Amino acid sequence: MSGPRLLLGFDYGTRQIGVAVGQAITGQARELCVLKAQNGVPDWNQIEKLIREWQPDAIIVGLPLNMDGTPSEMSARAERFARRLHGRFDLPVHTHDERLTTFEAKGHRLAQGQRDGYRQRPVDALAAALLLEGWLAERPAG
């Protein structure tokens, strides 16, 4: 099989970064964790630990574009985060349009009965799983 088989997805944010793991064969992803960040800077040791544990073939970083598809201030920061991941861990890093994944993640949680409490049960890792599944859906396994 060519191409990545196991992937880590990151939903980048300035205070929190959602992380998910995905499998190319099934096209599915699941939430892993939410990492704290300070002004967009993560604890790189936590990310290194995740990469050692999961040994992904590639990393996908959500690209928060404006609704009209143009880059936003946050998309520039997410791209910088993606470049740093590549530089630190020497893995292929791809970005993927993540518009509406957080909205969709909150919709999933509402369907499960969560009405608030996003601080106690953040949706960032679920958003990471959704963006990872979106990336996988555009690239059939094979």
C-alpha atoms as a PDB file:
ATOM      1  CA  MET A   1       0.000   0.000   0.000  1.00  0.00           C
ATOM      2  CA  SER A   2       1.378   3.389  -0.889  1.00  0.00           C
ATOM      3  CA  GLY A   3       0.756   6.529   1.094  1.00  0.00           C
ATOM      4  CA  PRO A   4       0.176   7.016   4.790  1.00  0.00           C
ATOM      5  CA  ARG A   5      -1.672   4.351   6.773  1.00  0.00           C
ATOM      6  CA  LEU A   6      -1.753   5.814  10.289  1.00  0.00           C
ATOM      7  CA  LEU A   7      -2.190   9.546  10.797  1.00  0.00           C
ATOM      8  CA  LEU A   8      -2.329  12.042  13.609  1.00  0.00           C
ATOM      9  CA  GLY A   9      -4.646  15.011  13.141  1.00  0.00           C
ATOM     10  CA  PHE A  10      -4.280  18.344  14.916  1.00  0.00           C
ATOM     11  CA  ASP A  11      -7.010  20.966  15.335  1.00  0.00           C
ATOM     12  CA  TYR A  12      -4.744  23.935  16.067  1.00  0.00           C
ATOM     13  CA  GLY A  13      -5.817  26.686  18.428  1.00  0.00           C
ATOM     14  CA  THR A  14      -4.095  29.355  20.475  1.00  0.00           C
ATOM     15  CA  ARG A  15      -5.259  27.891  23.821  1.00  0.00           C
ATOM     16  CA  GLN A  16      -6.009  24.269  22.953  1.00  0.00           C
ATOM     17  CA  ILE A  17      -4.963  21.828  20.266  1.00  0.00           C
ATOM     18  CA  GLY A  18      -7.208  18.852  19.595  1.00  0.00           C
ATOM     19  CA  VAL A  19      -5.515  15.610  18.607  1.00  0.00           C
ATOM     20  CA  ALA A  20      -6.989  12.598  16.837  1.00  0.00           C
ATOM     21  CA  VAL A  21      -5.674   9.395  15.283  1.00  0.00           C
ATOM     22  CA  GLY A  22      -6.906   8.054  11.970  1.00  0.00           C
ATOM     23  CA  GLN A  23      -6.563   4.911   9.914  1.00  0.00           C
ATOM     24  CA  ALA A  24      -6.391   5.096   6.103  1.00  0.00           C
ATOM     25  CA  ILE A  25      -7.731   1.562   5.593  1.00  0.00           C
ATOM     26  CA  THR A  26     -11.028   2.295   7.348  1.00  0.00           C
ATOM     27  CA  GLY A  27     -11.086   6.034   6.658  1.00  0.00           C
ATOM     28  CA  GLN A  28     -12.074   6.593  10.269  1.00  0.00           C
ATOM     29  CA  ALA A  29     -10.558   8.667  13.057  1.00  0.00           C
ATOM     30  CA  ARG A  30     -11.095   8.981  16.782  1.00  0.00           C
ATOM     31  CA  GLU A  31     -10.384  11.564  19.437  1.00  0.00           C
ATOM     32  CA  LEU A  32      -7.155  11.217  21.403  1.00  0.00           C
ATOM     33  CA  CYS A  33      -6.704  14.261  23.617  1.00  0.00           C
ATOM     34  CA  VAL A  34      -6.671  18.020  23.937  1.00  0.00           C
ATOM     35  CA  LEU A  35      -3.309  19.656  24.532  1.00  0.00           C
ATOM     36  CA  LYS A  36      -2.993  23.015  26.238  1.00  0.00           C
ATOM     37  CA  ALA A  37      -1.189  25.780  24.389  1.00  0.00           C
ATOM     38  CA  GLN A  38      -0.018  29.213  25.421  1.00  0.00           C
ATOM     39  CA  ASN A  39      -0.611  31.751  22.675  1.00  0.00           C
ATOM     40  CA  GLY A  40      -0.492  28.911  20.152  1.00  0.00           C
ATOM     41  CA  VAL A  41       2.679  27.313  21.495  1.00  0.00           C
ATOM     42  CA  PRO A  42       2.168  23.705  22.586  1.00  0.00           C
ATOM     43  CA  ASP A  43       4.205  21.632  24.983  1.00  0.00           C
ATOM     44  CA  TRP A  44       6.405  20.045  22.332  1.00  0.00           C
ATOM     45  CA  ASN A  45       7.327  17.227  24.732  1.00  0.00           C
ATOM     46  CA  GLN A  46       3.665  16.134  24.801  1.00  0.00           C
ATOM     47  CA  ILE A  47       3.545  16.116  21.007  1.00  0.00           C
ATOM     48  CA  GLU A  48       6.798  14.153  20.846  1.00  0.00           C
ATOM     49  CA  LYS A  49       5.337  11.606  23.258  1.00  0.00           C
ATOM     50  CA  LEU A  50       2.237  11.197  21.058  1.00  0.00           C
ATOM     51  CA  ILE A  51       4.369  10.777  17.948  1.00  0.00           C
ATOM     52  CA  ARG A  52       6.578   8.169  19.642  1.00  0.00           C
ATOM     53  CA  GLU A  53       3.519   6.319  20.932  1.00  0.00           C
ATOM     54  CA  TRP A  54       1.490   6.298  17.697  1.00  0.00           C
ATOM     55  CA  GLN A  55       4.341   6.401  15.122  1.00  0.00           C
ATOM     56  CA  PRO A  56       2.207   8.040  12.436  1.00  0.00           C
ATOM     57  CA  ASP A  57       3.089   7.895   8.744  1.00  0.00           C
ATOM     58  CA  ALA A  58       1.933  11.510   8.360  1.00  0.00           C
ATOM     59  CA  ILE A  59       0.368  14.410  10.233  1.00  0.00           C
ATOM     60  CA  ILE A  60      -2.669  16.433   9.178  1.00  0.00           C
ATOM     61  CA  VAL A  61      -3.176  19.957  10.526  1.00  0.00           C
ATOM     62  CA  GLY A  62      -6.513  21.715  10.192  1.00  0.00           C
ATOM     63  CA  LEU A  63      -6.419  24.895   8.150  1.00  0.00           C
ATOM     64  CA  PRO A  64      -9.018  27.373   9.467  1.00  0.00           C
ATOM     65  CA  LEU A  65      -9.956  29.248   6.301  1.00  0.00           C
ATOM     66  CA  ASN A  66     -12.573  31.978   6.118  1.00  0.00           C
ATOM     67  CA  MET A  67     -15.994  30.894   4.886  1.00  0.00           C
ATOM     68  CA  ASP A  68     -15.183  32.268   1.409  1.00  0.00           C
ATOM     69  CA  GLY A  69     -12.070  30.041   1.266  1.00  0.00           C
ATOM     70  CA  THR A  70      -9.532  32.801   1.810  1.00  0.00           C
ATOM     71  CA  PRO A  71      -6.759  32.474   4.404  1.00  0.00           C
ATOM     72  CA  SER A  72      -7.353  33.871   7.886  1.00  0.00           C
ATOM     73  CA  GLU A  73      -4.946  35.067  10.560  1.00  0.00           C
ATOM     74  CA  MET A  74      -5.421  31.692  12.248  1.00  0.00           C
ATOM     75  CA  SER A  75      -4.678  29.791   9.046  1.00  0.00           C
ATOM     76  CA  ALA A  76      -1.264  31.476   8.900  1.00  0.00           C
ATOM     77  CA  ARG A  77      -0.605  30.374  12.476  1.00  0.00           C
ATOM     78  CA  ALA A  78      -1.801  26.822  11.709  1.00  0.00           C
ATOM     79  CA  GLU A  79       0.522  26.674   8.695  1.00  0.00           C
ATOM     80  CA  ARG A  80       3.426  27.818  10.887  1.00  0.00           C
ATOM     81  CA  PHE A  81       2.515  25.066  13.395  1.00  0.00           C
ATOM     82  CA  ALA A  82       2.473  22.537  10.522  1.00  0.00           C
ATOM     83  CA  ARG A  83       5.941  23.659   9.376  1.00  0.00           C
ATOM     84  CA  ARG A  84       7.260  23.320  12.927  1.00  0.00           C
ATOM     85  CA  LEU A  85       5.833  19.800  13.211  1.00  0.00           C
ATOM     86  CA  HIS A  86       7.584  18.846   9.989  1.00  0.00           C
ATOM     87  CA  GLY A  87      10.849  20.468  11.079  1.00  0.00           C
ATOM     88  CA  ARG A  88      10.873  18.851  14.513  1.00  0.00           C
ATOM     89  CA  PHE A  89       9.694  15.343  13.623  1.00  0.00           C
ATOM     90  CA  ASP A  90      10.655  14.969   9.934  1.00  0.00           C
ATOM     91  CA  LEU A  91       7.274  13.504   9.005  1.00  0.00           C
ATOM     92  CA  PRO A  92       5.086  14.449   6.053  1.00  0.00           C
ATOM     93  CA  VAL A  93       2.694  17.169   7.225  1.00  0.00           C
ATOM     94  CA  HIS A  94      -0.396  18.160   5.253  1.00  0.00           C
ATOM     95  CA  THR A  95      -2.980  20.841   5.911  1.00  0.00           C
ATOM     96  CA  HIS A  96      -6.692  20.331   5.356  1.00  0.00           C
ATOM     97  CA  ASP A  97      -9.593  22.772   5.205  1.00  0.00           C
ATOM     98  CA  GLU A  98     -11.286  22.542   8.582  1.00  0.00           C
ATOM     99  CA  ARG A  99     -14.140  24.989   8.045  1.00  0.00           C
ATOM    100  CA  LEU A 100     -17.139  24.066  10.186  1.00  0.00           C
ATOM    101  CA  THR A 101     -15.489  21.098  11.953  1.00  0.00           C
ATOM    102  CA  THR A 102     -15.846  22.764  15.372  1.00  0.00           C
ATOM    103  CA  PHE A 103     -19.471  23.622  14.558  1.00  0.00           C
ATOM    104  CA  GLU A 104     -20.042  20.005  13.460  1.00  0.00           C
ATOM    105  CA  ALA A 105     -18.296  18.684  16.585  1.00  0.00           C
ATOM    106  CA  LYS A 106     -20.574  20.801  18.801  1.00  0.00           C
ATOM    107  CA  GLY A 107     -23.537  19.413  16.839  1.00  0.00           C
ATOM    108  CA  HIS A 108     -22.377  15.861  17.629  1.00  0.00           C
ATOM    109  CA  ARG A 109     -22.099  16.731  21.307  1.00  0.00           C
ATOM    110  CA  LEU A 110     -25.549  18.371  21.295  1.00  0.00           C
ATOM    111  CA  ALA A 111     -26.957  15.184  19.766  1.00  0.00           C
ATOM    112  CA  GLN A 112     -25.361  13.295  22.682  1.00  0.00           C
ATOM    113  CA  GLY A 113     -27.116  15.604  25.127  1.00  0.00           C
ATOM    114  CA  GLN A 114     -24.283  18.018  25.950  1.00  0.00           C
ATOM    115  CA  ARG A 115     -25.795  21.495  26.144  1.00  0.00           C
ATOM    116  CA  ASP A 116     -22.794  23.401  27.479  1.00  0.00           C
ATOM    117  CA  GLY A 117     -19.664  22.656  29.462  1.00  0.00           C
ATOM    118  CA  TYR A 118     -17.304  22.845  26.503  1.00  0.00           C
ATOM    119  CA  ARG A 119     -14.561  23.856  28.937  1.00  0.00           C
ATOM    120  CA  GLN A 120     -15.053  20.616  30.880  1.00  0.00           C
ATOM    121  CA  ARG A 121     -15.563  18.513  27.745  1.00  0.00           C
ATOM    122  CA  PRO A 122     -13.926  20.392  24.855  1.00  0.00           C
ATOM    123  CA  VAL A 123     -14.731  19.531  21.252  1.00  0.00           C
ATOM    124  CA  ASP A 124     -11.214  20.155  19.873  1.00  0.00           C
ATOM    125  CA  ALA A 125     -10.207  16.478  19.660  1.00  0.00           C
ATOM    126  CA  LEU A 126     -13.534  15.617  18.013  1.00  0.00           C
ATOM    127  CA  ALA A 127     -12.950  18.453  15.521  1.00  0.00           C
ATOM    128  CA  ALA A 128      -9.480  16.955  14.860  1.00  0.00           C
ATOM    129  CA  ALA A 129     -11.085  13.570  14.167  1.00  0.00           C
ATOM    130  CA  LEU A 130     -13.589  15.160  11.773  1.00  0.00           C
ATOM    131  CA  LEU A 131     -10.908  17.042   9.839  1.00  0.00           C
ATOM    132  CA  LEU A 132      -8.819  13.873   9.654  1.00  0.00           C
ATOM    133  CA  GLU A 133     -11.784  11.899   8.291  1.00  0.00           C
ATOM    134  CA  GLY A 134     -12.333  14.680   5.743  1.00  0.00           C
ATOM    135  CA  TRP A 135      -8.718  14.427   4.605  1.00  0.00           C
ATOM    136  CA  LEU A 136      -8.955  10.636   4.391  1.00  0.00           C
ATOM    137  CA  ALA A 137     -12.225  10.794   2.422  1.00  0.00           C
ATOM    138  CA  GLU A 138     -10.458  12.820  -0.268  1.00  0.00           C
ATOM    139  CA  ARG A 139      -7.724  10.171  -0.574  1.00  0.00           C
ATOM    140  CA  PRO A 140      -9.063   6.628  -0.983  1.00  0.00           C
ATOM    141  CA  ALA A 141      -6.877   3.921   0.578  1.00  0.00           C
ATOM    142  CA  GLY A 142      -5.108   1.731  -1.883  1.00  0.00           C
END
